[in-house]
C-alpha atoms as a PDB file:
ATOM      1  CA  MET A   1       4.443  -3.594 -18.831  1.00  0.00           C
ATOM      2  CA  ARG A   2       7.934  -2.866 -20.438  1.00  0.00           C
ATOM      3  CA  SER A   3       7.774  -3.090 -24.516  1.00  0.00           C
ATOM      4  CA  LEU A   4       8.339  -6.657 -25.210  1.00  0.00           C
ATOM      5  CA  PRO A   5      11.140  -7.678 -27.632  1.00  0.00           C
ATOM      6  CA  VAL A   6      10.183  -8.810 -30.749  1.00  0.00           C
ATOM      7  CA  PRO A   7      11.067 -12.479 -31.048  1.00  0.00           C
ATOM      8  CA  ASP A   8      13.252 -13.167 -34.573  1.00  0.00           C
ATOM      9  CA  LYS A   9      11.085 -14.489 -37.149  1.00  0.00           C
ATOM     10  CA  ASN A  10      13.643 -16.949 -38.103  1.00  0.00           C
ATOM     11  CA  THR A  11      13.062 -19.327 -34.720  1.00  0.00           C
ATOM     12  CA  GLN A  12       9.506 -18.366 -33.451  1.00  0.00           C
ATOM     13  CA  PRO A  13       6.267 -19.066 -35.734  1.00  0.00           C
ATOM     14  CA  ASP A  14       4.724 -15.682 -37.534  1.00  0.00           C
ATOM     15  CA  PHE A  15       2.175 -15.486 -35.251  1.00  0.00           C
ATOM     16  CA  ILE A  16       3.597 -15.009 -32.070  1.00  0.00           C
ATOM     17  CA  LYS A  17       5.935 -12.563 -33.886  1.00  0.00           C
ATOM     18  CA  ARG A  18       2.458 -10.990 -34.956  1.00  0.00           C
ATOM     19  CA  GLN A  19       1.309 -11.247 -31.634  1.00  0.00           C
ATOM     20  CA  PHE A  20       4.424  -9.433 -29.561  1.00  0.00           C
ATOM     21  CA  GLU A  21       4.260  -6.485 -32.335  1.00  0.00           C
ATOM     22  CA  PHE A  22       0.572  -5.912 -31.917  1.00  0.00           C
ATOM     23  CA  ALA A  23       1.421  -6.056 -28.130  1.00  0.00           C
ATOM     24  CA  ALA A  24       4.570  -3.264 -28.237  1.00  0.00           C
ATOM     25  CA  ASN A  25       2.868  -0.990 -30.260  1.00  0.00           C
ATOM     26  CA  ILE A  26       0.122  -1.006 -27.466  1.00  0.00           C
ATOM     27  CA  ARG A  27       2.329  -0.387 -24.931  1.00  0.00           C
ATOM     28  CA  ASN A  28       4.456   2.517 -26.751  1.00  0.00           C
ATOM     29  CA  PRO A  29       3.654   3.317 -30.790  1.00  0.00           C
ATOM     30  CA  ASP A  30       6.224   5.705 -30.363  1.00  0.00           C
ATOM     31  CA  MET A  31       8.636   3.098 -30.388  1.00  0.00           C
ATOM     32  CA  ASN A  32       7.139   0.030 -31.800  1.00  0.00           C
ATOM     33  CA  PRO A  33       5.628  -0.184 -35.432  1.00  0.00           C
ATOM     34  CA  ALA A  34       2.207  -2.135 -35.541  1.00  0.00           C
ATOM     35  CA  PRO A  35       1.955  -4.940 -37.492  1.00  0.00           C
ATOM     36  CA  LEU A  36       1.710  -4.513 -41.283  1.00  0.00           C
ATOM     37  CA  ASP A  37      -1.370  -6.154 -42.274  1.00  0.00           C
ATOM     38  CA  VAL A  38      -3.781  -4.204 -38.770  1.00  0.00           C
ATOM     39  CA  GLU A  39      -5.357  -1.079 -39.952  1.00  0.00           C
ATOM     40  CA  GLU A  40      -4.254   1.758 -38.130  1.00  0.00           C
ATOM     41  CA  LYS A  41      -7.685   3.027 -36.979  1.00  0.00           C
ATOM     42  CA  ARG A  42      -8.297  -0.446 -35.379  1.00  0.00           C
ATOM     43  CA  MET A  43      -4.424  -0.147 -33.504  1.00  0.00           C
ATOM     44  CA  ALA A  44      -5.241   3.425 -32.384  1.00  0.00           C
ATOM     45  CA  VAL A  45      -8.706   1.377 -30.804  1.00  0.00           C
ATOM     46  CA  TYR A  46      -6.749  -1.599 -28.862  1.00  0.00           C
ATOM     47  CA  ARG A  47      -4.146   1.456 -27.630  1.00  0.00           C
ATOM     48  CA  GLU A  48      -6.898   4.015 -26.012  1.00  0.00           C
ATOM     49  CA  LEU A  49      -8.635   1.117 -24.780  1.00  0.00           C
ATOM     50  CA  PHE A  50      -5.265  -0.783 -23.068  1.00  0.00           C
ATOM     51  CA  TYR A  51      -4.136   2.835 -21.592  1.00  0.00           C
ATOM     52  CA  ASN A  52      -7.635   3.881 -20.833  1.00  0.00           C
ATOM     53  CA  ASN A  53      -7.808   0.657 -18.303  1.00  0.00           C
ATOM     54  CA  ILE A  54      -4.426   1.729 -16.915  1.00  0.00           C
ATOM     55  CA  GLU A  55      -5.100   4.738 -16.126  1.00  0.00           C
ATOM     56  CA  ASP A  56      -8.215   4.779 -14.646  1.00  0.00           C
ATOM     57  CA  GLN A  57      -7.297   1.636 -12.311  1.00  0.00           C
ATOM     58  CA  LEU A  58      -4.180   4.074 -11.320  1.00  0.00           C
ATOM     59  CA  GLY A  59      -6.688   7.081 -11.100  1.00  0.00           C
ATOM     60  CA  ASN A  60      -9.436   4.820  -8.266  1.00  0.00           C
ATOM     61  CA  ALA A  61      -6.363   3.560  -6.598  1.00  0.00           C
ATOM     62  CA  PHE A  62      -4.164   6.920  -5.968  1.00  0.00           C
ATOM     63  CA  PRO A  63      -6.879   9.426  -6.304  1.00  0.00           C
ATOM     64  CA  VAL A  64      -4.894  12.003  -4.260  1.00  0.00           C
ATOM     65  CA  ILE A  65      -1.377  11.278  -6.470  1.00  0.00           C
ATOM     66  CA  LYS A  66      -4.031  12.159  -9.585  1.00  0.00           C
ATOM     67  CA  SER A  67      -5.440  15.108  -7.459  1.00  0.00           C
ATOM     68  CA  ILE A  68      -2.311  16.778  -6.813  1.00  0.00           C
ATOM     69  CA  LEU A  69      -0.698  16.532 -10.516  1.00  0.00           C
ATOM     70  CA  SER A  70      -1.052  18.749 -13.097  1.00  0.00           C
ATOM     71  CA  GLU A  71      -3.461  16.683 -15.957  1.00  0.00           C
ATOM     72  CA  ASP A  72      -0.172  16.650 -18.223  1.00  0.00           C
ATOM     73  CA  ASN A  73       1.944  15.761 -15.710  1.00  0.00           C
ATOM     74  CA  TRP A  74      -0.191  12.337 -14.306  1.00  0.00           C
ATOM     75  CA  HIS A  75      -0.393  11.455 -18.013  1.00  0.00           C
ATOM     76  CA  ALA A  76       3.080  11.525 -18.458  1.00  0.00           C
ATOM     77  CA  LEU A  77       3.722   9.768 -15.050  1.00  0.00           C
ATOM     78  CA  VAL A  78       1.277   6.873 -15.721  1.00  0.00           C
ATOM     79  CA  ARG A  79       1.981   6.334 -19.735  1.00  0.00           C
ATOM     80  CA  ASP A  80       5.990   5.796 -18.226  1.00  0.00           C
ATOM     81  CA  PHE A  81       4.604   3.452 -16.129  1.00  0.00           C
ATOM     82  CA  TYR A  82       2.602   1.496 -18.899  1.00  0.00           C
ATOM     83  CA  HIS A  83       5.418   2.001 -21.450  1.00  0.00           C
ATOM     84  CA  THR A  84       8.482   0.950 -19.005  1.00  0.00           C
ATOM     85  CA  HIS A  85       7.576  -1.450 -16.029  1.00  0.00           C
ATOM     86  CA  GLU A  86       7.448  -5.048 -16.203  1.00  0.00           C
ATOM     87  CA  SER A  87       4.444  -6.165 -14.658  1.00  0.00           C
ATOM     88  CA  HIS A  88       5.400  -9.685 -12.532  1.00  0.00           C
ATOM     89  CA  THR A  89       1.515 -10.511 -12.238  1.00  0.00           C
ATOM     90  CA  PRO A  90      -1.281 -11.024 -14.744  1.00  0.00           C
ATOM     91  CA  ILE A  91      -3.792 -10.162 -11.930  1.00  0.00           C
ATOM     92  CA  PHE A  92      -5.451  -6.484 -12.677  1.00  0.00           C
ATOM     93  CA  ALA A  93      -6.244  -5.863  -9.233  1.00  0.00           C
ATOM     94  CA  GLU A  94      -2.484  -5.929  -8.295  1.00  0.00           C
ATOM     95  CA  ILE A  95      -1.497  -3.441 -10.717  1.00  0.00           C
ATOM     96  CA  PRO A  96      -1.314  -0.545  -7.864  1.00  0.00           C
ATOM     97  CA  GLN A  97       1.478  -2.798  -6.578  1.00  0.00           C
ATOM     98  CA  GLU A  98       3.180  -2.872  -9.318  1.00  0.00           C
ATOM     99  CA  PHE A  99       2.935   0.635  -9.475  1.00  0.00           C
ATOM    100  CA  ILE A 100       4.722   1.119  -5.692  1.00  0.00           C
ATOM    101  CA  SER A 101       7.497  -1.530  -7.312  1.00  0.00           C
ATOM    102  CA  TYR A 102       7.926   1.375 -10.306  1.00  0.00           C
ATOM    103  CA  LEU A 103       8.410   4.090  -8.342  1.00  0.00           C
ATOM    104  CA  GLU A 104      10.630   2.646  -5.930  1.00  0.00           C
ATOM    105  CA  LEU A 105      12.684   0.350  -8.058  1.00  0.00           C
ATOM    106  CA  GLU A 106      12.601   2.190 -11.736  1.00  0.00           C
ATOM    107  CA  ARG A 107      10.835   6.322 -11.492  1.00  0.00           C
ATOM    108  CA  ASN A 108      13.713   8.349 -11.398  1.00  0.00           C
ATOM    109  CA  ASN A 109      12.296  12.027 -11.835  1.00  0.00           C
ATOM    110  CA  GLU A 110      13.700  15.010 -10.198  1.00  0.00           C
ATOM    111  CA  ASN A 111      10.162  16.736 -11.384  1.00  0.00           C
ATOM    112  CA  ASP A 112       8.666  14.227  -8.636  1.00  0.00           C
ATOM    113  CA  PRO A 113       6.998  15.218  -4.985  1.00  0.00           C
ATOM    114  CA  ALA A 114       9.768  13.762  -2.948  1.00  0.00           C
ATOM    115  CA  PHE A 115       6.956  12.708  -0.822  1.00  0.00           C
ATOM    116  CA  LEU A 116       5.320  10.615  -4.212  1.00  0.00           C
ATOM    117  CA  LEU A 117       6.594   6.985  -3.256  1.00  0.00           C
ATOM    118  CA  GLU A 118       5.664   7.395   0.243  1.00  0.00           C
ATOM    119  CA  LEU A 119       1.956   8.971  -0.484  1.00  0.00           C
ATOM    120  CA  ALA A 120       1.339   6.452  -3.275  1.00  0.00           C
ATOM    121  CA  HIS A 121       2.287   3.712  -0.533  1.00  0.00           C
ATOM    122  CA  TYR A 122      -0.388   5.015   2.168  1.00  0.00           C
ATOM    123  CA  GLU A 123      -2.874   5.203  -0.646  1.00  0.00           C
ATOM    124  CA  TRP A 124      -2.199   1.120  -1.669  1.00  0.00           C
ATOM    125  CA  VAL A 125      -2.601   0.477   1.813  1.00  0.00           C
ATOM    126  CA  GLU A 126      -6.438   0.992   1.997  1.00  0.00           C
ATOM    127  CA  LEU A 127      -6.963  -1.043  -1.847  1.00  0.00           C
ATOM    128  CA  ALA A 128      -4.204  -4.010  -0.344  1.00  0.00           C
ATOM    129  CA  LEU A 129      -6.503  -4.064   3.488  1.00  0.00           C
ATOM    130  CA  ALA A 130      -9.644  -4.792   1.451  1.00  0.00           C
ATOM    131  CA  ILE A 131      -8.889  -7.359  -0.854  1.00  0.00           C
ATOM    132  CA  LEU A 132      -6.254  -9.362   1.853  1.00  0.00           C
ATOM    133  CA  ASP A 133      -7.813 -12.657   2.294  1.00  0.00           C
ATOM    134  CA  GLU A 134      -6.786 -12.949   6.015  1.00  0.00           C
ATOM    135  CA  LYS A 135      -8.783 -13.374   8.865  1.00  0.00           C
ATOM    136  CA  PRO A 136      -7.906 -13.883  12.558  1.00  0.00           C
ATOM    137  CA  ASP A 137      -7.976 -18.143  13.395  1.00  0.00           C
ATOM    138  CA  LEU A 138     -10.686 -17.819  16.414  1.00  0.00           C
ATOM    139  CA  ASN A 139      -9.514 -21.886  17.097  1.00  0.00           C
ATOM    140  CA  LYS A 140      -6.201 -19.921  18.888  1.00  0.00           C
ATOM    141  CA  ILE A 141      -8.079 -16.446  19.647  1.00  0.00           C
ATOM    142  CA  ASN A 142     -10.366 -16.064  22.811  1.00  0.00           C
ATOM    143  CA  ILE A 143     -12.516 -12.718  21.584  1.00  0.00           C
ATOM    144  CA  ASN A 144     -13.633 -11.418  25.004  1.00  0.00           C
ATOM    145  CA  GLY A 145     -10.450 -12.397  26.576  1.00  0.00           C
ATOM    146  CA  ASP A 146      -8.953  -9.545  28.934  1.00  0.00           C
ATOM    147  CA  LEU A 147      -6.356  -8.076  26.774  1.00  0.00           C
ATOM    148  CA  PHE A 148      -4.102  -6.543  30.268  1.00  0.00           C
ATOM    149  CA  ASN A 149      -4.307  -9.664  31.945  1.00  0.00           C
ATOM    150  CA  GLU A 150      -3.472 -12.015  29.428  1.00  0.00           C
ATOM    151  CA  ILE A 151      -2.029 -11.944  25.828  1.00  0.00           C
ATOM    152  CA  PRO A 152      -3.192  -9.905  23.465  1.00  0.00           C
ATOM    153  CA  VAL A 153      -3.613 -10.482  19.551  1.00  0.00           C
ATOM    154  CA  LEU A 154      -2.928  -8.248  16.896  1.00  0.00           C
ATOM    155  CA  SER A 155      -5.293  -8.136  13.900  1.00  0.00           C
ATOM    156  CA  PRO A 156      -3.942  -9.457  10.841  1.00  0.00           C
ATOM    157  CA  THR A 157      -5.704  -6.770   9.133  1.00  0.00           C
ATOM    158  CA  ALA A 158      -4.363  -3.898  10.891  1.00  0.00           C
ATOM    159  CA  TRP A 159      -0.913  -2.706  10.014  1.00  0.00           C
ATOM    160  CA  SER A 160       0.909   0.067  11.531  1.00  0.00           C
ATOM    161  CA  LEU A 161       3.047   2.151   9.739  1.00  0.00           C
ATOM    162  CA  SER A 162       5.295   5.150   9.615  1.00  0.00           C
ATOM    163  CA  TYR A 163       6.121   7.454   6.809  1.00  0.00           C
ATOM    164  CA  HIS A 164       8.781  10.382   7.206  1.00  0.00           C
ATOM    165  CA  TRP A 165       6.118  12.644   5.006  1.00  0.00           C
ATOM    166  CA  PRO A 166       2.554  13.147   6.541  1.00  0.00           C
ATOM    167  CA  VAL A 167       1.059  11.194   4.018  1.00  0.00           C
ATOM    168  CA  HIS A 168      -2.300  11.788   5.694  1.00  0.00           C
ATOM    169  CA  GLN A 169      -2.723  15.080   5.361  1.00  0.00           C
ATOM    170  CA  ILE A 170      -1.210  15.942   1.673  1.00  0.00           C
ATOM    171  CA  SER A 171      -3.835  17.400  -0.369  1.00  0.00           C
ATOM    172  CA  PRO A 172      -3.809  19.830  -3.281  1.00  0.00           C
ATOM    173  CA  GLU A 173      -3.728  23.031  -0.683  1.00  0.00           C
ATOM    174  CA  ASN A 174      -1.261  21.192   1.187  1.00  0.00           C
ATOM    175  CA  GLN A 175       2.160  19.965  -0.186  1.00  0.00           C
ATOM    176  CA  PRO A 176       5.339  19.959   2.023  1.00  0.00           C
ATOM    177  CA  GLU A 177       8.555  20.659   0.622  1.00  0.00           C
ATOM    178  CA  THR A 178      10.594  18.948   3.482  1.00  0.00           C
ATOM    179  CA  PRO A 179       9.636  16.505   5.952  1.00  0.00           C
ATOM    180  CA  PRO A 180       8.835  17.155   9.689  1.00  0.00           C
ATOM    181  CA  LYS A 181      10.670  15.953  12.158  1.00  0.00           C
ATOM    182  CA  ALA A 182       8.484  13.375  13.532  1.00  0.00           C
ATOM    183  CA  PRO A 183       7.583  10.803  11.436  1.00  0.00           C
ATOM    184  CA  ALA A 184       3.778   9.982  10.494  1.00  0.00           C
ATOM    185  CA  LEU A 185       2.596   7.292  12.865  1.00  0.00           C
ATOM    186  CA  LEU A 186      -0.596   5.422  11.189  1.00  0.00           C
ATOM    187  CA  ILE A 187      -2.599   2.725  12.210  1.00  0.00           C
ATOM    188  CA  VAL A 188      -4.520   1.196   9.202  1.00  0.00           C
ATOM    189  CA  TYR A 189      -7.406  -1.315  10.008  1.00  0.00           C
ATOM    190  CA  ARG A 190     -10.200  -2.917   8.276  1.00  0.00           C
ATOM    191  CA  ASP A 191     -12.659  -3.837  10.933  1.00  0.00           C
ATOM    192  CA  ASP A 192     -15.511  -6.996  11.382  1.00  0.00           C
ATOM    193  CA  GLN A 193     -17.714  -5.158   8.817  1.00  0.00           C
ATOM    194  CA  ASP A 194     -15.216  -4.791   6.376  1.00  0.00           C
ATOM    195  CA  GLU A 195     -14.880  -1.350   6.664  1.00  0.00           C
ATOM    196  CA  ILE A 196     -11.320   0.707   6.389  1.00  0.00           C
ATOM    197  CA  HIS A 197     -10.345   3.115   9.025  1.00  0.00           C
ATOM    198  CA  PHE A 198      -7.246   5.297   9.262  1.00  0.00           C
ATOM    199  CA  MET A 199      -5.646   6.789  12.761  1.00  0.00           C
ATOM    200  CA  GLU A 200      -3.031   8.807  13.636  1.00  0.00           C
ATOM    201  CA  ILE A 201      -1.270   7.208  16.664  1.00  0.00           C
ATOM    202  CA  ASN A 202       1.102   8.385  19.159  1.00  0.00           C
ATOM    203  CA  ALA A 203       4.987   6.890  19.427  1.00  0.00           C
ATOM    204  CA  VAL A 204       3.951   4.934  23.233  1.00  0.00           C
ATOM    205  CA  THR A 205       0.774   3.249  20.896  1.00  0.00           C
ATOM    206  CA  ALA A 206       3.074   2.622  17.565  1.00  0.00           C
ATOM    207  CA  ARG A 207       5.912   0.544  20.180  1.00  0.00           C
ATOM    208  CA  LEU A 208       2.991  -1.346  21.857  1.00  0.00           C
ATOM    209  CA  LEU A 209       1.583  -2.429  18.217  1.00  0.00           C
ATOM    210  CA  ALA A 210       5.062  -3.719  17.679  1.00  0.00           C
ATOM    211  CA  LEU A 211       5.579  -5.046  20.247  1.00  0.00           C
ATOM    212  CA  ILE A 212       2.246  -6.938  20.906  1.00  0.00           C
ATOM    213  CA  LYS A 213       2.764  -8.147  16.918  1.00  0.00           C
ATOM    214  CA  GLU A 214       5.700 -10.248  17.926  1.00  0.00           C
ATOM    215  CA  ASN A 215       4.302 -11.227  21.339  1.00  0.00           C
ATOM    216  CA  THR A 216       3.004 -15.024  22.094  1.00  0.00           C
ATOM    217  CA  GLU A 217       4.097 -14.749  26.001  1.00  0.00           C
ATOM    218  CA  LEU A 218       3.592 -11.456  27.757  1.00  0.00           C
ATOM    219  CA  THR A 219       0.617  -9.898  29.293  1.00  0.00           C
ATOM    220  CA  GLY A 220      -0.647  -6.477  27.979  1.00  0.00           C
ATOM    221  CA  GLN A 221       0.312  -5.594  31.621  1.00  0.00           C
ATOM    222  CA  GLN A 222       3.738  -6.644  30.823  1.00  0.00           C
ATOM    223  CA  LEU A 223       4.308  -5.353  27.650  1.00  0.00           C
ATOM    224  CA  LEU A 224       3.293  -1.812  28.704  1.00  0.00           C
ATOM    225  CA  SER A 225       5.879  -2.313  31.665  1.00  0.00           C
ATOM    226  CA  GLN A 226       8.581  -3.088  29.333  1.00  0.00           C
ATOM    227  CA  ILE A 227       7.812   0.267  27.674  1.00  0.00           C
ATOM    228  CA  ALA A 228       7.678   2.321  30.374  1.00  0.00           C
ATOM    229  CA  ASP A 229      11.198   0.824  30.973  1.00  0.00           C
ATOM    230  CA  GLU A 230      12.035   1.723  27.809  1.00  0.00           C
ATOM    231  CA  MET A 231      11.475   5.141  28.283  1.00  0.00           C
ATOM    232  CA  GLN A 232      13.111   5.427  31.529  1.00  0.00           C
ATOM    233  CA  TYR A 233       9.272   6.646  32.880  1.00  0.00           C
ATOM    234  CA  PRO A 234      10.534   7.406  36.759  1.00  0.00           C
ATOM    235  CA  ASP A 235       6.505   6.711  37.625  1.00  0.00           C
ATOM    236  CA  PRO A 236       5.602   3.493  35.070  1.00  0.00           C
ATOM    237  CA  ASN A 237       2.035   3.693  36.634  1.00  0.00           C
ATOM    238  CA  PRO A 238       0.254   6.267  34.750  1.00  0.00           C
ATOM    239  CA  LEU A 239       1.765   5.506  31.201  1.00  0.00           C
ATOM    240  CA  ILE A 240       0.486   1.716  32.215  1.00  0.00           C
ATOM    241  CA  GLN A 241      -2.780   2.714  33.362  1.00  0.00           C
ATOM    242  CA  ALA A 242      -2.931   4.575  29.867  1.00  0.00           C
ATOM    243  CA  GLY A 243      -2.074   1.957  28.190  1.00  0.00           C
ATOM    244  CA  LYS A 244      -4.790  -0.248  29.528  1.00  0.00           C
ATOM    245  CA  THR A 245      -7.149   2.114  27.731  1.00  0.00           C
ATOM    246  CA  ILE A 246      -5.359   2.208  25.047  1.00  0.00           C
ATOM    247  CA  LEU A 247      -5.990  -1.563  24.499  1.00  0.00           C
ATOM    248  CA  GLU A 248      -9.373  -1.440  25.412  1.00  0.00           C
ATOM    249  CA  ASP A 249     -10.122   1.100  22.706  1.00  0.00           C
ATOM    250  CA  MET A 250      -8.116  -1.080  20.145  1.00  0.00           C
ATOM    251  CA  GLN A 251     -10.118  -4.005  21.015  1.00  0.00           C
ATOM    252  CA  LYS A 252     -13.489  -1.923  20.681  1.00  0.00           C
ATOM    253  CA  ARG A 253     -11.930  -1.187  17.382  1.00  0.00           C
ATOM    254  CA  THR A 254     -10.917  -4.729  16.185  1.00  0.00           C
ATOM    255  CA  ILE A 255      -7.730  -3.547  16.250  1.00  0.00           C
ATOM    256  CA  LEU A 256      -6.895  -6.140  18.498  1.00  0.00           C
ATOM    257  CA  THR A 257      -9.203  -9.061  18.359  1.00  0.00           C
ATOM    258  CA  GLY A 258      -8.875 -11.083  21.594  1.00  0.00           C
ATOM    259  CA  THR A 259      -5.918 -12.713  23.870  1.00  0.00           C
ATOM    260  CA  LEU A 260      -4.455 -15.557  22.900  1.00  0.00           C
ATOM    261  CA  ARG A 261      -5.799 -18.842  24.180  1.00  0.00           C
ATOM    262  CA  LYS A 262      -3.445 -21.684  26.159  1.00  0.00           C
END
């Protein structure tokens, strides 16, 4: 949504020049004058309409960010994004993803909370999973398979996430100034009823999910044995049995869709 350069009037048709002037003024009227033949009152209507659509989309996608910033700071953030970011998609539903890109690659404001980017990503994940057009290939999966003795399969709508900041706990009343020593490990998933769920997990579960995601050969039991070896457990059996319970629970939640058909 960067203010677009006005084409050279000597090389572009006049109607294209006016379109660029019109769009540039809508994005940033302080930097770009309106077309001379358009009444200011009409331009003001368009400017308000376009900005309100963007602000409403971002406010719905990032309600926690909006709630922790003052009204002035929230609108300043939205306007900076609106004025300076060059969107790479015409799809309105993908504007929140463009906002993530803006925060990561373009935004540089020392007054922003240090956790702003991670919090934005955490909030965006819910929308991303809700509209993700991907389903398990049931021709390759046995949904009633034994995850412990067969090869478990991770749902494509289950994402294991790690953040430096406790993004799932941030609110107007809880805004940490320094990150904790341990990362926040989360699983966000869409169940078979298309409901989105967030769940905090421990390091063992996070490692298990990472292994399952890349695995096409080892059974759940073998993966748990590998984790026990990695963690140098003196007696791996308690961890393996606890892991079996984790596998069963994740299958019930549809985080794991079943086992790989051979």
